[in-house]
Amino acid sequence: MQVAKWGNSLAVRLPVALVQELGIADGDELELRPAPKKSGKPASATVERKPGKLERLQSARKFRAAWPADFAFDRDEANAR
C-alpha cells in the first residue's frame, strides 16, 4: 500500500483482497491503533472496522429486559413535570 496526499491529509488506498477480508465498504469507519513497539522493528498499527449504528443497536438488544407483567404505561404520568 502507498500513502498519498489528499488535500491537507494523507490517505491509503486499500487493496480489494484486504477490503473483502475486513468486510468493509464505502462509508465504513476504521480505527487504527499503534501496535506495541518491539525493539529493532519499525512501528506498526492494527486496523479494525468500527461497528455501524445498526450493529451497535443489535448488540445493545441483548441487555433488553421484559416489562413486568403488571406494568402499564401512563402517558400523562410520563409527561408530568
Protein backbone atom coordinates (compact mmCIF):
# COMPACT_ATOMS: atom_id res chain seq x y z
CA MET A 1 0.00 0.00 0.00
CA GLN A 2 1.12 3.51 -0.69
CA VAL A 3 0.44 6.65 1.32
CA ALA A 4 -0.68 9.61 -0.81
CA LYS A 5 -1.57 13.24 -0.17
CA TRP A 6 -5.33 14.00 -0.20
CA GLY A 7 -5.92 17.70 0.39
CA ASN A 8 -4.17 18.51 3.68
CA SER A 9 -4.41 14.88 4.83
CA LEU A 10 -2.78 11.58 3.99
CA ALA A 11 -4.69 8.64 2.51
CA VAL A 12 -4.07 4.94 1.96
CA ARG A 13 -5.67 3.01 -0.89
CA LEU A 14 -6.71 -0.44 0.29
CA PRO A 15 -6.36 -3.50 -1.94
CA VAL A 16 -9.58 -5.37 -2.79
CA ALA A 17 -8.39 -8.53 -1.02
CA LEU A 18 -7.94 -6.62 2.26
CA VAL A 19 -11.30 -4.86 1.86
CA GLN A 20 -13.04 -8.20 1.38
CA GLU A 21 -11.18 -9.81 4.29
CA LEU A 22 -12.11 -6.97 6.66
CA GLY A 23 -15.67 -6.82 5.32
CA ILE A 24 -15.56 -3.06 4.85
CA ALA A 25 -17.45 -0.90 2.38
CA ASP A 26 -17.59 2.71 1.26
CA GLY A 27 -18.52 4.90 4.23
CA ASP A 28 -17.39 2.48 6.95
CA GLU A 29 -15.22 3.87 9.70
CA LEU A 30 -11.91 2.25 10.55
CA GLU A 31 -9.88 2.59 13.71
CA LEU A 32 -6.09 2.48 13.58
CA ARG A 33 -4.24 1.75 16.79
CA PRO A 34 -0.48 1.75 17.22
CA ALA A 35 0.76 -1.75 17.94
CA PRO A 36 3.14 -2.25 20.85
CA LYS A 37 6.67 -1.30 19.80
CA LYS A 38 9.23 -4.02 19.52
CA SER A 39 12.89 -3.16 19.74
CA GLY A 40 14.67 -3.15 16.40
CA LYS A 41 11.43 -3.29 14.37
CA PRO A 42 9.59 -0.47 12.60
CA ALA A 43 6.39 0.92 14.11
CA SER A 44 3.16 -0.79 13.10
CA ALA A 45 -0.57 -0.43 13.63
CA THR A 46 -3.66 -2.60 13.87
CA VAL A 47 -6.77 -1.83 11.81
CA GLU A 48 -10.32 -2.57 12.93
CA ARG A 49 -13.66 -1.74 11.39
CA LYS A 50 -15.85 0.23 13.79
CA PRO A 51 -19.36 -1.19 14.10
CA GLY A 52 -22.12 0.79 12.41
CA LYS A 53 -25.22 2.19 14.13
CA LEU A 54 -27.32 -0.86 13.28
CA GLU A 55 -24.68 -3.26 14.61
CA ARG A 56 -24.39 -1.27 17.86
CA LEU A 57 -28.19 -1.29 18.25
CA GLN A 58 -28.37 -5.03 17.67
CA SER A 59 -25.63 -5.69 20.23
CA ALA A 60 -27.42 -3.48 22.79
CA ARG A 61 -30.61 -5.53 22.41
CA LYS A 62 -29.12 -8.37 24.44
CA PHE A 63 -29.43 -6.11 27.51
CA ARG A 64 -33.14 -5.51 26.91
CA ALA A 65 -35.38 -6.93 29.61
CA ALA A 66 -39.09 -7.70 29.53
CA TRP A 67 -41.53 -5.37 31.24
CA PRO A 68 -43.11 -6.65 34.47
CA ALA A 69 -46.49 -8.33 33.91
CA ASP A 70 -48.33 -5.62 35.85
CA PHE A 71 -46.63 -2.69 34.05
CA ALA A 72 -48.91 -0.17 32.37
CA PHE A 73 -47.54 2.86 30.56
CA ASP A 74 -49.27 6.11 31.56
CA ARG A 75 -48.58 8.88 29.06
CA ASP A 76 -49.80 11.62 31.41
CA GLU A 77 -47.54 10.38 34.21
CA ALA A 78 -44.55 10.14 31.88
CA ASN A 79 -45.04 13.73 30.66
CA ALA A 80 -45.85 15.26 34.04
CA ARG A 81 -43.36 17.82 35.27
